Amino acid sequence: AWIYRRDSVCRLVRRYAPALLGTQEGRWTQLLYLADQLPDYQLHAPNRIIDDTCQYP
């Protein structure tokens, strides 16, 4: 479950500091969590209808 992985994901991103970070089938609440925890990155989702029942690439 995401709640058990999310802190590890953030630690990995901070450690390797990729120039570009993409997700596969991320839910909106997951993307918001990453945006909150990783302020050096910007969420780019133009023209998206925000719906947490959807998954976003």
PDB file of N, CA and C in Angstrom:
ATOM      1  N   ALA A   1       0.837  -1.190   0.000  1.00  0.00           N
ATOM      2  CA  ALA A   1       0.000   0.000   0.000  1.00  0.00           C
ATOM      3  C   ALA A   1       0.881   1.252   0.000  1.00  0.00           C
ATOM      4  N   TRP A   2       0.363   2.289  -0.600  1.00  0.00           N
ATOM      5  CA  TRP A   2       1.087   3.548  -0.739  1.00  0.00           C
ATOM      6  C   TRP A   2       1.546   4.092   0.604  1.00  0.00           C
ATOM      7  N   ILE A   3       0.712   4.014   1.613  1.00  0.00           N
ATOM      8  CA  ILE A   3       1.056   4.596   2.914  1.00  0.00           C
ATOM      9  C   ILE A   3       2.353   3.996   3.477  1.00  0.00           C
ATOM     10  N   TYR A   4       2.660   2.779   3.118  1.00  0.00           N
ATOM     11  CA  TYR A   4       3.884   2.126   3.592  1.00  0.00           C
ATOM     12  C   TYR A   4       5.092   2.402   2.697  1.00  0.00           C
ATOM     13  N   ARG A   5       4.857   2.837   1.475  1.00  0.00           N
ATOM     14  CA  ARG A   5       5.947   3.078   0.525  1.00  0.00           C
ATOM     15  C   ARG A   5       6.301   4.546   0.356  1.00  0.00           C
ATOM     16  N   ARG A   6       5.394   5.425   0.682  1.00  0.00           N
ATOM     17  CA  ARG A   6       5.555   6.832   0.300  1.00  0.00           C
ATOM     18  C   ARG A   6       6.806   7.488   0.872  1.00  0.00           C
ATOM     19  N   ASP A   7       7.142   7.208   2.129  1.00  0.00           N
ATOM     20  CA  ASP A   7       8.345   7.819   2.697  1.00  0.00           C
ATOM     21  C   ASP A   7       9.611   7.274   2.038  1.00  0.00           C
ATOM     22  N   SER A   8       9.608   5.996   1.707  1.00  0.00           N
ATOM     23  CA  SER A   8      10.752   5.400   1.003  1.00  0.00           C
ATOM     24  C   SER A   8      10.914   6.003  -0.384  1.00  0.00           C
ATOM     25  N   VAL A   9       9.804   6.234  -1.058  1.00  0.00           N
ATOM     26  CA  VAL A   9       9.849   6.857  -2.382  1.00  0.00           C
ATOM     27  C   VAL A   9      10.478   8.245  -2.281  1.00  0.00           C
ATOM     28  N   CYS A  10      10.058   9.014  -1.310  1.00  0.00           N
ATOM     29  CA  CYS A  10      10.603  10.365  -1.140  1.00  0.00           C
ATOM     30  C   CYS A  10      12.092  10.321  -0.808  1.00  0.00           C
ATOM     31  N   ARG A  11      12.503   9.390   0.028  1.00  0.00           N
ATOM     32  CA  ARG A  11      13.931   9.259   0.354  1.00  0.00           C
ATOM     33  C   ARG A  11      14.745   8.926  -0.897  1.00  0.00           C
ATOM     34  N   LEU A  12      14.234   8.031  -1.727  1.00  0.00           N
ATOM     35  CA  LEU A  12      14.943   7.673  -2.958  1.00  0.00           C
ATOM     36  C   LEU A  12      15.058   8.860  -3.907  1.00  0.00           C
ATOM     37  N   VAL A  13      13.983   9.605  -4.038  1.00  0.00           N
ATOM     38  CA  VAL A  13      14.014  10.775  -4.923  1.00  0.00           C
ATOM     39  C   VAL A  13      15.023  11.791  -4.399  1.00  0.00           C
ATOM     40  N   ARG A  14      15.015  12.038  -3.105  1.00  0.00           N
ATOM     41  CA  ARG A  14      15.986  12.988  -2.536  1.00  0.00           C
ATOM     42  C   ARG A  14      17.417  12.492  -2.723  1.00  0.00           C
ATOM     43  N   ARG A  15      17.628  11.209  -2.563  1.00  0.00           N
ATOM     44  CA  ARG A  15      18.977  10.647  -2.674  1.00  0.00           C
ATOM     45  C   ARG A  15      19.534  10.770  -4.088  1.00  0.00           C
ATOM     46  N   TYR A  16      18.737  10.416  -5.078  1.00  0.00           N
ATOM     47  CA  TYR A  16      19.226  10.404  -6.460  1.00  0.00           C
ATOM     48  C   TYR A  16      18.951  11.699  -7.215  1.00  0.00           C
ATOM     49  N   ALA A  17      18.050  12.517  -6.708  1.00  0.00           N
ATOM     50  CA  ALA A  17      17.760  13.847  -7.260  1.00  0.00           C
ATOM     51  C   ALA A  17      17.634  13.856  -8.788  1.00  0.00           C
ATOM     52  N   PRO A  18      16.694  13.102  -9.345  1.00  0.00           N
ATOM     53  CA  PRO A  18      16.546  13.102 -10.802  1.00  0.00           C
ATOM     54  C   PRO A  18      16.104  14.471 -11.320  1.00  0.00           C
ATOM     55  N   ALA A  19      16.536  14.792 -12.523  1.00  0.00           N
ATOM     56  CA  ALA A  19      16.138  16.058 -13.134  1.00  0.00           C
ATOM     57  C   ALA A  19      14.661  16.036 -13.513  1.00  0.00           C
ATOM     58  N   LEU A  20      14.152  14.860 -13.810  1.00  0.00           N
ATOM     59  CA  LEU A  20      12.756  14.690 -14.204  1.00  0.00           C
ATOM     60  C   LEU A  20      12.218  13.460 -13.488  1.00  0.00           C
ATOM     61  N   LEU A  21      11.037  13.586 -12.935  1.00  0.00           N
ATOM     62  CA  LEU A  21      10.423  12.482 -12.202  1.00  0.00           C
ATOM     63  C   LEU A  21       9.032  12.234 -12.758  1.00  0.00           C
ATOM     64  N   GLY A  22       8.793  11.034 -13.210  1.00  0.00           N
ATOM     65  CA  GLY A  22       7.477  10.674 -13.727  1.00  0.00           C
ATOM     66  C   GLY A  22       6.862   9.577 -12.878  1.00  0.00           C
ATOM     67  N   THR A  23       5.564   9.459 -12.956  1.00  0.00           N
ATOM     68  CA  THR A  23       4.874   8.396 -12.231  1.00  0.00           C
ATOM     69  C   THR A  23       4.113   7.526 -13.222  1.00  0.00           C
ATOM     70  N   GLN A  24       3.793   6.352 -12.788  1.00  0.00           N
ATOM     71  CA  GLN A  24       2.973   5.456 -13.594  1.00  0.00           C
ATOM     72  C   GLN A  24       1.730   5.129 -12.785  1.00  0.00           C
ATOM     73  N   GLU A  25       0.591   5.533 -13.298  1.00  0.00           N
ATOM     74  CA  GLU A  25      -0.697   5.267 -12.664  1.00  0.00           C
ATOM     75  C   GLU A  25      -0.780   5.831 -11.249  1.00  0.00           C
ATOM     76  N   GLY A  26      -0.244   7.029 -11.067  1.00  0.00           N
ATOM     77  CA  GLY A  26      -0.326   7.683  -9.762  1.00  0.00           C
ATOM     78  C   GLY A  26      -1.711   8.262  -9.516  1.00  0.00           C
ATOM     79  N   ARG A  27      -2.185   8.119  -8.321  1.00  0.00           N
ATOM     80  CA  ARG A  27      -3.462   8.740  -7.940  1.00  0.00           C
ATOM     81  C   ARG A  27      -3.187  10.178  -7.512  1.00  0.00           C
ATOM     82  N   TRP A  28      -4.203  11.006  -7.637  1.00  0.00           N
ATOM     83  CA  TRP A  28      -4.032  12.427  -7.363  1.00  0.00           C
ATOM     84  C   TRP A  28      -3.514  12.669  -5.947  1.00  0.00           C
ATOM     85  N   THR A  29      -4.044  11.948  -4.956  1.00  0.00           N
ATOM     86  CA  THR A  29      -3.574  12.141  -3.578  1.00  0.00           C
ATOM     87  C   THR A  29      -2.106  11.742  -3.441  1.00  0.00           C
ATOM     88  N   GLN A  30      -1.663  10.757  -4.194  1.00  0.00           N
ATOM     89  CA  GLN A  30      -0.252  10.374  -4.164  1.00  0.00           C
ATOM     90  C   GLN A  30       0.613  11.484  -4.762  1.00  0.00           C
ATOM     91  N   LEU A  31       0.161  12.037  -5.866  1.00  0.00           N
ATOM     92  CA  LEU A  31       0.919  13.113  -6.508  1.00  0.00           C
ATOM     93  C   LEU A  31       0.990  14.341  -5.618  1.00  0.00           C
ATOM     94  N   LEU A  32      -0.099  14.644  -4.936  1.00  0.00           N
ATOM     95  CA  LEU A  32      -0.092  15.780  -4.013  1.00  0.00           C
ATOM     96  C   LEU A  32       0.858  15.533  -2.848  1.00  0.00           C
ATOM     97  N   TYR A  33       0.908  14.307  -2.366  1.00  0.00           N
ATOM     98  CA  TYR A  33       1.838  13.970  -1.285  1.00  0.00           C
ATOM     99  C   TYR A  33       3.277  14.182  -1.754  1.00  0.00           C
ATOM    100  N   LEU A  34       3.594  13.689  -2.930  1.00  0.00           N
ATOM    101  CA  LEU A  34       4.945  13.870  -3.466  1.00  0.00           C
ATOM    102  C   LEU A  34       5.269  15.349  -3.648  1.00  0.00           C
ATOM    103  N   ALA A  35       4.325  16.106  -4.156  1.00  0.00           N
ATOM    104  CA  ALA A  35       4.540  17.541  -4.352  1.00  0.00           C
ATOM    105  C   ALA A  35       4.796  18.237  -3.018  1.00  0.00           C
ATOM    106  N   ASP A  36       4.089  17.821  -1.985  1.00  0.00           N
ATOM    107  CA  ASP A  36       4.266  18.415  -0.658  1.00  0.00           C
ATOM    108  C   ASP A  36       5.616  18.040  -0.052  1.00  0.00           C
ATOM    109  N   GLN A  37       6.021  16.810  -0.223  1.00  0.00           N
ATOM    110  CA  GLN A  37       7.255  16.316   0.388  1.00  0.00           C
ATOM    111  C   GLN A  37       8.509  16.637  -0.424  1.00  0.00           C
ATOM    112  N   LEU A  38       8.333  16.948  -1.683  1.00  0.00           N
ATOM    113  CA  LEU A  38       9.467  17.214  -2.575  1.00  0.00           C
ATOM    114  C   LEU A  38       9.313  18.603  -3.197  1.00  0.00           C
ATOM    115  N   PRO A  39       9.485  19.651  -2.398  1.00  0.00           N
ATOM    116  CA  PRO A  39       9.209  21.007  -2.878  1.00  0.00           C
ATOM    117  C   PRO A  39      10.135  21.488  -3.999  1.00  0.00           C
ATOM    118  N   ASP A  40      11.242  20.792  -4.240  1.00  0.00           N
ATOM    119  CA  ASP A  40      12.130  21.190  -5.335  1.00  0.00           C
ATOM    120  C   ASP A  40      11.597  20.749  -6.699  1.00  0.00           C
ATOM    121  N   TYR A  41      10.514  19.977  -6.697  1.00  0.00           N
ATOM    122  CA  TYR A  41       9.894  19.504  -7.930  1.00  0.00           C
ATOM    123  C   TYR A  41       8.546  20.177  -8.103  1.00  0.00           C
ATOM    124  N   GLN A  42       8.139  20.336  -9.348  1.00  0.00           N
ATOM    125  CA  GLN A  42       6.838  20.934  -9.646  1.00  0.00           C
ATOM    126  C   GLN A  42       5.944  19.900 -10.309  1.00  0.00           C
ATOM    127  N   LEU A  43       4.707  19.897  -9.897  1.00  0.00           N
ATOM    128  CA  LEU A  43       3.713  19.011 -10.494  1.00  0.00           C
ATOM    129  C   LEU A  43       3.231  19.642 -11.798  1.00  0.00           C
ATOM    130  N   HIS A  44       3.275  18.872 -12.862  1.00  0.00           N
ATOM    131  CA  HIS A  44       2.844  19.372 -14.167  1.00  0.00           C
ATOM    132  C   HIS A  44       1.722  18.470 -14.672  1.00  0.00           C
ATOM    133  N   ALA A  45       0.507  18.973 -14.603  1.00  0.00           N
ATOM    134  CA  ALA A  45      -0.654  18.198 -15.052  1.00  0.00           C
ATOM    135  C   ALA A  45      -1.653  19.133 -15.721  1.00  0.00           C
ATOM    136  N   PRO A  46      -1.241  19.750 -16.838  1.00  0.00           N
ATOM    137  CA  PRO A  46      -2.142  20.700 -17.487  1.00  0.00           C
ATOM    138  C   PRO A  46      -3.378  20.010 -18.062  1.00  0.00           C
ATOM    139  N   ASN A  47      -4.463  20.728 -18.012  1.00  0.00           N
ATOM    140  CA  ASN A  47      -5.724  20.266 -18.601  1.00  0.00           C
ATOM    141  C   ASN A  47      -6.225  18.942 -18.033  1.00  0.00           C
ATOM    142  N   ARG A  48      -5.857  18.649 -16.803  1.00  0.00           N
ATOM    143  CA  ARG A  48      -6.330  17.419 -16.165  1.00  0.00           C
ATOM    144  C   ARG A  48      -7.528  17.729 -15.285  1.00  0.00           C
ATOM    145  N   ILE A  49      -8.524  16.881 -15.352  1.00  0.00           N
ATOM    146  CA  ILE A  49      -9.644  16.964 -14.426  1.00  0.00           C
ATOM    147  C   ILE A  49      -9.226  16.180 -13.191  1.00  0.00           C
ATOM    148  N   ILE A  50      -9.227  16.838 -12.049  1.00  0.00           N
ATOM    149  CA  ILE A  50      -8.746  16.212 -10.826  1.00  0.00           C
ATOM    150  C   ILE A  50      -9.815  15.274 -10.275  1.00  0.00           C
ATOM    151  N   ASP A  51      -9.470  13.997 -10.228  1.00  0.00           N
ATOM    152  CA  ASP A  51     -10.404  12.970  -9.772  1.00  0.00           C
ATOM    153  C   ASP A  51      -9.581  11.842  -9.167  1.00  0.00           C
ATOM    154  N   ASP A  52      -9.702  11.621  -7.853  1.00  0.00           N
ATOM    155  CA  ASP A  52      -8.855  10.623  -7.209  1.00  0.00           C
ATOM    156  C   ASP A  52      -9.248   9.194  -7.554  1.00  0.00           C
ATOM    157  N   THR A  53     -10.315   9.012  -8.298  1.00  0.00           N
ATOM    158  CA  THR A  53     -10.633   7.658  -8.752  1.00  0.00           C
ATOM    159  C   THR A  53      -9.879   7.329 -10.038  1.00  0.00           C
ATOM    160  N   CYS A  54      -9.220   8.344 -10.613  1.00  0.00           N
ATOM    161  CA  CYS A  54      -8.439   8.156 -11.837  1.00  0.00           C
ATOM    162  C   CYS A  54      -6.969   7.980 -11.492  1.00  0.00           C
ATOM    163  N   GLN A  55      -6.232   7.428 -12.445  1.00  0.00           N
ATOM    164  CA  GLN A  55      -4.793   7.311 -12.306  1.00  0.00           C
ATOM    165  C   GLN A  55      -4.153   8.189 -13.370  1.00  0.00           C
ATOM    166  N   TYR A  56      -3.063   8.842 -12.992  1.00  0.00           N
ATOM    167  CA  TYR A  56      -2.415   9.806 -13.878  1.00  0.00           C
ATOM    168  C   TYR A  56      -1.016   9.328 -14.238  1.00  0.00           C
ATOM    169  N   PRO A  57      -0.634   9.469 -15.495  1.00  0.00           N
ATOM    170  CA  PRO A  57       0.713   9.063 -15.897  1.00  0.00           C
ATOM    171  C   PRO A  57       1.745  10.054 -15.403  1.00  0.00           C
TER     172      PRO A  57
END
